[in-house]
Amino acid sequence: MQAAVLRAYRRPLEIEEIELATPGPREVRVRTVACGVCHSDLHVANGSLPAPLPTVLGHEPAGIVEEIGGEVRQVKPGDHVIACISAFCGQCRYCLSGRTHLCGGAATARPEGAPPRLSRDGQPILQFAHLSGFAEAMLVHENALVAIREEMPLAQAALIGCGVTTGVGAALNTARVAPGSSVAVVGCGGIGLSAIQGCRIAGAGPIIAVDTQAWKLELAQQLGASVGVLAGEADPVAAVLEHSGGGVDYAFECIGSEATSQQTIAMVGRGGAAVMVGVMPLGATAAIPMLDVVMHEKRILGSLMGSNRFRIDMPRYVDFYLDGRLRLDELISARIGLGQLNQAFARLAAGEVARSVVEFPA
């Protein structure tokens, strides 16, 4: 099968013919139909989030089950599925306390000494995030999959696999935004636009979108933002304080930088919460004004993958899309082939797209 292989940081991905192993116990072979191109893939490719190499990136995929191994109970051949990086073992303290997104999924990998799931000419290729979706097929543990309604378009379903679940879940699960709450969302890429929609679904208002690009703010307002703040032309903190009457109840940082993290905390009013969603490069830090945090009783919340229980959340988000509450068509800026991934990374780095989606021929 064809796959996009990363063999060195800051080098183009290479389209190669690689081998996929036969499904073992609790493993599922999925024909990849679509896979979103996420900033986290870019962070790995440019070395800011190192991962063992060589590897096949791609962690926002959807597809159709082709074959199952022994003991698989959750899916069957022909099922339409979303694959998620929040693979879970079902036995650790995080899983048993209902926080499966914190499991890490290490127990779902093949045991040491077993043949690799991916290889080329007998040499192993490492699986990224238990998935490796930039390939024509995937071999994954059943606890990385959820079956969804067949009427759901799989290109849009792929977005739910990471960016949408991260953004919508940050609002609905991590922050638990209450109706009537004031909100700011800093960064209007795929995750930020999803956070805006999660806040809209929760009944928040006003919802203030902050970005450096006017076209993203226009899209944000189409998807539920009340007002847009064009950072660079105005002080974003001052603008949010003005629009909210002194600070918002919830502010979501959806970029992953020191400056925007500090701005997000400053946008929060008394008793409010700053929700940190964007992924910073390894080793990056941000200074926190602790007097402001303590004296104004501000909360700082980390949000990993929207605090998801993906087997519950993702079918619900599919329902939201099909009944019109969650709008995903507008998030797809470009539909591309596997060979256009390097250009898609360049456009993502330049801020030219909300989401590109790799689509595979049937």
Protein backbone atom coordinates (compact mmCIF):
# COMPACT_ATOMS: atom_id res chain seq x y z
CA MET A 1 0.00 0.00 0.00
CA GLN A 2 1.05 3.62 -0.44
CA ALA A 3 1.89 5.77 2.58
CA ALA A 4 3.55 9.11 3.30
CA VAL A 5 6.68 8.31 5.33
CA LEU A 6 8.63 10.81 7.45
CA ARG A 7 12.27 9.70 7.54
CA ALA A 8 13.93 12.91 8.78
CA TYR A 9 12.75 16.08 10.50
CA ARG A 10 12.37 19.18 8.34
CA ARG A 11 12.47 17.02 5.21
CA PRO A 12 9.59 16.36 2.81
CA LEU A 13 7.44 13.31 3.41
CA GLU A 14 8.09 10.56 0.87
CA ILE A 15 5.35 8.51 -0.79
CA GLU A 16 6.44 4.89 -0.48
CA GLU A 17 5.09 1.37 -0.93
CA ILE A 18 5.03 -0.24 2.52
CA GLU A 19 3.62 -3.42 4.03
CA LEU A 20 0.74 -3.73 6.50
CA ALA A 21 0.67 -6.78 8.77
CA THR A 22 -2.26 -9.17 9.11
CA PRO A 23 -4.65 -8.32 11.97
CA GLY A 24 -3.81 -10.06 15.23
CA PRO A 25 -5.98 -10.39 18.33
CA ARG A 26 -8.16 -7.29 18.88
CA GLU A 27 -6.68 -5.64 15.76
CA VAL A 28 -8.62 -4.17 12.86
CA ARG A 29 -7.61 -3.37 9.30
CA VAL A 30 -9.30 -0.19 8.08
CA ARG A 31 -9.34 1.15 4.52
CA THR A 32 -8.56 4.82 4.94
CA VAL A 33 -11.07 7.04 3.14
CA ALA A 34 -10.01 10.44 4.48
CA CYS A 35 -7.51 11.95 6.90
CA GLY A 36 -7.29 15.55 8.09
CA VAL A 37 -3.98 17.42 8.14
CA CYS A 38 -3.45 18.69 11.71
CA HIS A 39 -0.92 21.08 13.24
CA SER A 40 0.35 18.27 15.46
CA ASP A 41 1.47 16.38 12.34
CA LEU A 42 3.30 19.53 11.25
CA HIS A 43 4.91 19.90 14.70
CA VAL A 44 6.32 16.37 14.38
CA ALA A 45 7.47 16.90 10.80
CA ASN A 46 9.40 20.05 11.72
CA GLY A 47 10.89 18.51 14.86
CA SER A 48 9.19 20.66 17.49
CA LEU A 49 7.36 17.56 18.80
CA PRO A 50 9.92 14.80 18.23
CA ALA A 51 8.72 11.25 17.55
CA PRO A 52 10.74 8.13 16.69
CA LEU A 53 11.52 7.80 12.97
CA PRO A 54 10.78 6.57 10.36
CA THR A 55 7.06 6.97 10.85
CA VAL A 56 3.80 7.46 9.00
CA LEU A 57 2.01 10.53 10.34
CA GLY A 58 -1.72 11.25 10.21
CA HIS A 59 -3.96 11.05 13.26
CA GLU A 60 -7.33 12.41 12.06
CA PRO A 61 -8.64 9.53 9.89
CA ALA A 62 -11.93 7.90 9.02
CA GLY A 63 -12.53 4.83 6.92
CA ILE A 64 -14.24 1.47 6.46
CA VAL A 65 -13.38 -1.76 8.29
CA GLU A 66 -11.97 -4.36 5.90
CA GLU A 67 -10.80 -7.19 8.19
CA ILE A 68 -10.77 -8.00 11.89
CA GLY A 69 -8.57 -10.23 14.02
CA GLY A 70 -9.59 -12.56 16.80
CA GLU A 71 -11.48 -11.32 19.87
CA VAL A 72 -12.65 -8.09 18.18
CA ARG A 73 -16.08 -7.15 19.54
CA GLN A 74 -16.59 -3.46 18.82
CA VAL A 75 -16.60 -3.36 14.99
CA LYS A 76 -17.16 -5.66 12.03
CA PRO A 77 -16.21 -5.61 8.33
CA GLY A 78 -18.12 -2.93 6.45
CA ASP A 79 -18.51 -0.61 9.44
CA HIS A 80 -17.78 3.08 8.88
CA VAL A 81 -15.41 4.19 11.62
CA ILE A 82 -13.51 7.13 13.04
CA ALA A 83 -10.06 6.38 14.43
CA CYS A 84 -8.85 8.36 17.43
CA ILE A 85 -5.48 8.93 19.09
CA SER A 86 -7.19 8.45 22.47
CA ALA A 87 -6.76 4.69 22.25
CA PHE A 88 -7.39 3.19 25.68
CA CYS A 89 -6.53 -0.02 27.49
CA GLY A 90 -9.71 -0.24 29.59
CA GLN A 91 -7.82 -1.42 32.68
CA CYS A 92 -5.69 1.44 34.06
CA ARG A 93 -6.84 3.86 36.76
CA TYR A 94 -7.64 6.53 34.18
CA CYS A 95 -9.85 4.20 32.17
CA LEU A 96 -11.54 2.81 35.27
CA SER A 97 -12.32 6.33 36.49
CA GLY A 98 -13.90 7.31 33.15
CA ARG A 99 -10.95 9.41 31.91
CA THR A 100 -9.98 7.21 28.98
CA HIS A 101 -8.41 10.15 27.10
CA LEU A 102 -5.62 10.20 29.73
CA CYS A 103 -4.75 6.50 29.30
CA GLY A 104 -2.14 6.96 26.58
CA GLY A 105 -2.98 3.64 24.97
CA ALA A 106 0.46 2.07 25.31
CA ALA A 107 -1.11 -1.30 26.08
CA THR A 108 -2.86 -1.27 22.69
CA ALA A 109 0.46 -1.45 20.81
CA ARG A 110 1.91 -4.77 19.73
CA PRO A 111 4.11 -6.33 22.44
CA GLU A 112 7.87 -6.02 22.24
CA GLY A 113 9.32 -8.63 19.93
CA ALA A 114 6.14 -9.01 17.86
CA PRO A 115 6.27 -8.24 14.11
CA PRO A 116 5.63 -4.53 13.39
CA ARG A 117 2.29 -3.37 12.07
CA LEU A 118 4.08 -1.32 9.40
CA SER A 119 7.27 -2.22 7.56
CA ARG A 120 9.21 -1.90 4.33
CA ASP A 121 11.57 -4.59 3.05
CA GLY A 122 11.49 -6.20 6.48
CA GLN A 123 12.44 -3.00 8.31
CA PRO A 124 9.90 -1.61 10.80
CA ILE A 125 8.18 1.71 10.23
CA LEU A 126 6.82 3.19 13.43
CA GLN A 127 3.14 3.86 13.90
CA PHE A 128 2.34 7.45 14.88
CA ALA A 129 -0.27 7.97 17.62
CA HIS A 130 -1.36 4.31 17.30
CA LEU A 131 -2.88 5.20 13.89
CA SER A 132 -0.70 6.38 10.94
CA GLY A 133 -3.55 7.72 8.84
CA PHE A 134 -1.52 9.07 5.91
CA ALA A 135 -1.71 5.66 4.29
CA GLU A 136 -4.19 3.75 2.16
CA ALA A 137 -4.96 1.43 5.09
CA MET A 138 -4.42 1.28 8.84
CA LEU A 139 -3.95 -1.57 11.30
CA VAL A 140 -5.16 -0.47 14.73
CA HIS A 141 -6.39 -1.84 18.02
CA GLU A 142 -10.18 -1.93 18.28
CA ASN A 143 -9.96 0.48 21.24
CA ALA A 144 -8.83 3.20 18.83
CA LEU A 145 -12.04 2.97 16.78
CA VAL A 146 -15.70 3.91 17.02
CA ALA A 147 -18.38 2.91 14.52
CA ILE A 148 -20.58 5.73 13.19
CA ARG A 149 -23.72 6.18 11.10
CA GLU A 150 -23.15 5.28 7.44
CA GLU A 151 -24.88 8.44 6.18
CA MET A 152 -22.10 10.54 7.71
CA PRO A 153 -19.66 11.76 4.97
CA LEU A 154 -16.26 10.34 5.85
CA ALA A 155 -14.26 13.46 4.92
CA GLN A 156 -16.23 15.42 7.51
CA ALA A 157 -16.12 12.48 9.93
CA ALA A 158 -12.32 12.51 9.75
CA LEU A 159 -12.28 16.03 11.22
CA ILE A 160 -14.12 14.71 14.26
CA GLY A 161 -11.19 12.36 14.86
CA CYS A 162 -9.03 15.12 16.32
CA GLY A 163 -9.64 18.83 15.68
CA VAL A 164 -13.40 18.91 16.16
CA THR A 165 -13.34 16.65 19.21
CA THR A 166 -10.53 18.76 20.67
CA GLY A 167 -12.30 22.09 20.16
CA VAL A 168 -15.93 21.13 20.80
CA GLY A 169 -14.88 18.96 23.73
CA ALA A 170 -12.82 21.76 25.29
CA ALA A 171 -16.06 23.75 25.53
CA LEU A 172 -18.52 20.99 26.43
CA ASN A 173 -16.34 18.62 28.48
CA THR A 174 -13.29 20.43 29.87
CA ALA A 175 -14.78 23.87 30.58
CA ARG A 176 -18.44 22.78 30.71
CA VAL A 177 -19.45 26.19 29.40
CA ALA A 178 -22.75 27.29 30.92
CA PRO A 179 -25.53 28.96 28.91
CA GLY A 180 -25.16 32.73 28.81
CA SER A 181 -21.42 32.65 29.57
CA SER A 182 -19.11 35.11 27.84
CA VAL A 183 -16.33 33.49 25.85
CA ALA A 184 -13.16 34.37 23.93
CA VAL A 185 -11.44 31.98 21.52
CA VAL A 186 -7.86 32.85 20.59
CA GLY A 187 -6.90 31.29 17.26
CA CYS A 188 -9.45 30.41 14.61
CA GLY A 189 -7.94 27.42 12.87
CA GLY A 190 -9.71 24.08 12.83
CA ILE A 191 -9.58 23.65 16.61
CA GLY A 192 -10.56 27.23 17.44
CA LEU A 193 -13.46 27.18 15.00
CA SER A 194 -14.63 23.96 16.62
CA ALA A 195 -14.34 25.52 20.09
CA ILE A 196 -16.49 28.40 18.88
CA GLN A 197 -19.11 25.91 17.72
CA GLY A 198 -18.96 24.06 21.02
CA CYS A 199 -19.57 27.32 22.87
CA ARG A 200 -22.48 28.14 20.53
CA ILE A 201 -24.00 24.71 21.09
CA ALA A 202 -23.62 25.25 24.85
CA GLY A 203 -25.58 28.51 24.60
CA ALA A 204 -22.70 30.92 25.34
CA GLY A 205 -22.75 34.58 24.39
CA PRO A 206 -21.09 36.77 23.50
CA ILE A 207 -18.48 34.61 21.74
CA ILE A 208 -15.45 36.72 20.82
CA ALA A 209 -13.12 35.33 18.14
CA VAL A 210 -9.48 36.49 18.03
CA ASP A 211 -7.10 35.93 15.12
CA THR A 212 -4.54 37.72 12.97
CA GLN A 213 -6.30 36.94 9.68
CA ALA A 214 -9.52 38.60 8.61
CA TRP A 215 -10.77 35.64 6.55
CA LYS A 216 -10.64 33.38 9.61
CA LEU A 217 -12.63 35.91 11.63
CA GLU A 218 -15.26 36.04 8.90
CA LEU A 219 -15.52 32.25 8.97
CA ALA A 220 -15.65 32.31 12.78
CA GLN A 221 -18.66 34.63 12.67
CA GLN A 222 -20.38 32.34 10.16
CA LEU A 223 -19.93 29.46 12.61
CA GLY A 224 -21.14 31.21 15.75
CA ALA A 225 -18.83 34.00 16.91
CA SER A 226 -20.60 37.22 17.91
CA VAL A 227 -17.69 39.49 17.03
CA GLY A 228 -14.17 39.21 15.65
CA VAL A 229 -11.01 40.87 16.97
CA LEU A 230 -8.22 41.31 14.43
CA ALA A 231 -5.07 40.96 16.52
CA GLY A 232 -2.27 43.14 15.16
CA GLU A 233 -4.60 45.98 14.34
CA ALA A 234 -5.85 46.21 17.93
CA ASP A 235 -4.68 45.07 21.36
CA PRO A 236 -6.56 41.76 21.61
CA VAL A 237 -6.70 41.78 25.40
CA ALA A 238 -8.10 45.33 25.55
CA ALA A 239 -10.61 44.51 22.82
CA VAL A 240 -11.86 41.39 24.62
CA LEU A 241 -12.14 43.25 27.93
CA GLU A 242 -14.16 45.95 26.19
CA HIS A 243 -16.50 43.54 24.38
CA SER A 244 -17.08 41.49 27.54
CA GLY A 245 -17.41 44.27 30.06
CA GLY A 246 -14.25 43.50 32.00
CA GLY A 247 -13.26 39.95 31.11
CA VAL A 248 -14.84 36.74 29.85
CA ASP A 249 -16.04 33.74 31.80
CA TYR A 250 -14.05 31.38 29.59
CA ALA A 251 -11.10 32.01 27.26
CA PHE A 252 -9.73 29.27 25.02
CA GLU A 253 -6.12 29.33 23.80
CA CYS A 254 -6.10 27.38 20.52
CA ILE A 255 -2.68 28.23 19.06
CA GLY A 256 0.04 27.08 21.44
CA SER A 257 2.42 29.99 22.05
CA GLU A 258 3.75 31.84 25.08
CA ALA A 259 2.32 35.19 23.99
CA THR A 260 -1.19 33.94 23.28
CA SER A 261 -1.23 31.89 26.50
CA GLN A 262 -0.47 35.02 28.50
CA GLN A 263 -3.07 37.00 26.57
CA THR A 264 -5.69 34.32 27.16
CA ILE A 265 -5.19 34.44 30.92
CA ALA A 266 -5.39 38.26 30.83
CA MET A 267 -8.73 38.10 28.96
CA VAL A 268 -10.40 36.13 31.75
CA GLY A 269 -12.56 38.00 34.26
CA ARG A 270 -12.92 37.35 37.96
CA GLY A 271 -13.73 33.73 38.73
CA GLY A 272 -13.30 32.74 35.07
CA ALA A 273 -11.25 30.02 33.41
CA ALA A 274 -8.46 30.04 30.84
CA VAL A 275 -8.57 26.77 28.88
CA MET A 276 -5.25 25.79 27.30
CA VAL A 277 -5.94 23.78 24.17
CA GLY A 278 -3.10 24.61 21.75
CA VAL A 279 -0.01 22.38 21.83
CA MET A 280 3.29 24.16 22.48
CA PRO A 281 6.63 22.83 21.22
CA LEU A 282 8.50 20.51 23.57
CA GLY A 283 10.17 22.50 26.36
CA ALA A 284 8.22 25.72 25.74
CA THR A 285 6.99 27.63 28.79
CA ALA A 286 4.86 30.67 29.55
CA ALA A 287 5.11 33.03 32.51
CA ILE A 288 1.90 33.15 34.55
CA PRO A 289 0.92 36.32 36.50
CA MET A 290 0.17 34.51 39.74
CA LEU A 291 -1.05 37.57 41.64
CA ASP A 292 -3.70 38.10 38.95
CA VAL A 293 -4.64 34.41 39.10
CA VAL A 294 -4.96 34.34 42.89
CA MET A 295 -6.53 37.74 43.53
CA HIS A 296 -9.12 37.29 40.77
CA GLU A 297 -9.60 33.58 41.43
CA LYS A 298 -8.85 32.62 37.84
CA ARG A 299 -8.61 28.97 36.88
CA ILE A 300 -6.19 27.54 34.31
CA LEU A 301 -7.39 24.30 32.72
CA GLY A 302 -5.44 22.02 30.43
CA SER A 303 -7.54 20.30 27.79
CA LEU A 304 -6.22 17.15 26.10
CA MET A 305 -8.24 16.06 23.07
CA GLY A 306 -11.34 17.75 24.45
CA SER A 307 -11.38 15.56 27.59
CA ASN A 308 -13.12 13.02 25.39
CA ARG A 309 -14.75 9.66 25.87
CA PHE A 310 -14.66 9.25 22.14
CA ARG A 311 -16.97 6.24 21.88
CA ILE A 312 -19.64 8.43 23.46
CA ASP A 313 -18.67 11.86 22.12
CA MET A 314 -17.93 11.15 18.47
CA PRO A 315 -21.28 9.53 17.60
CA ARG A 316 -22.91 12.49 19.36
CA TYR A 317 -20.89 14.94 17.23
CA VAL A 318 -21.96 12.99 14.14
CA ASP A 319 -25.55 13.52 15.26
CA PHE A 320 -24.82 17.23 15.76
CA TYR A 321 -23.55 17.45 12.17
CA LEU A 322 -26.45 15.53 10.67
CA ASP A 323 -29.04 17.63 12.50
CA GLY A 324 -27.32 20.90 11.58
CA ARG A 325 -25.95 21.99 14.95
CA LEU A 326 -22.29 21.29 14.07
CA ARG A 327 -21.06 22.68 10.77
CA LEU A 328 -18.08 20.87 9.28
CA ASP A 329 -18.28 21.50 5.53
CA GLU A 330 -16.98 25.04 6.07
CA LEU A 331 -13.89 23.74 7.90
CA ILE A 332 -12.59 21.91 4.82
CA SER A 333 -10.44 24.41 2.95
CA ALA A 334 -8.90 21.90 0.54
CA ARG A 335 -9.36 18.27 -0.51
CA ILE A 336 -6.04 16.78 -1.60
CA GLY A 337 -4.34 13.57 -2.62
CA LEU A 338 -1.60 11.84 -0.63
CA GLY A 339 1.08 13.31 -2.88
CA GLN A 340 0.07 16.86 -1.96
CA LEU A 341 0.80 16.53 1.74
CA ASN A 342 3.99 18.59 1.72
CA GLN A 343 2.18 21.49 0.06
CA ALA A 344 -0.63 21.10 2.60
CA PHE A 345 1.89 21.42 5.45
CA ALA A 346 3.26 24.61 3.87
CA ARG A 347 -0.23 26.10 3.58
CA LEU A 348 -1.01 25.12 7.16
CA ALA A 349 2.18 26.78 8.43
CA ALA A 350 1.30 29.93 6.48
CA GLY A 351 -2.19 30.09 8.01
CA GLU A 352 -3.91 29.73 4.63
CA VAL A 353 -6.30 26.90 5.55
CA ALA A 354 -8.62 25.84 8.34
CA ARG A 355 -8.23 22.15 7.44
CA SER A 356 -6.94 20.24 4.45
CA VAL A 357 -8.26 16.69 4.07
CA VAL A 358 -6.43 13.89 2.28
CA GLU A 359 -8.93 11.76 0.36
CA PHE A 360 -8.05 8.29 -0.89
CA PRO A 361 -9.52 6.70 -4.02
CA ALA A 362 -11.98 3.87 -3.44
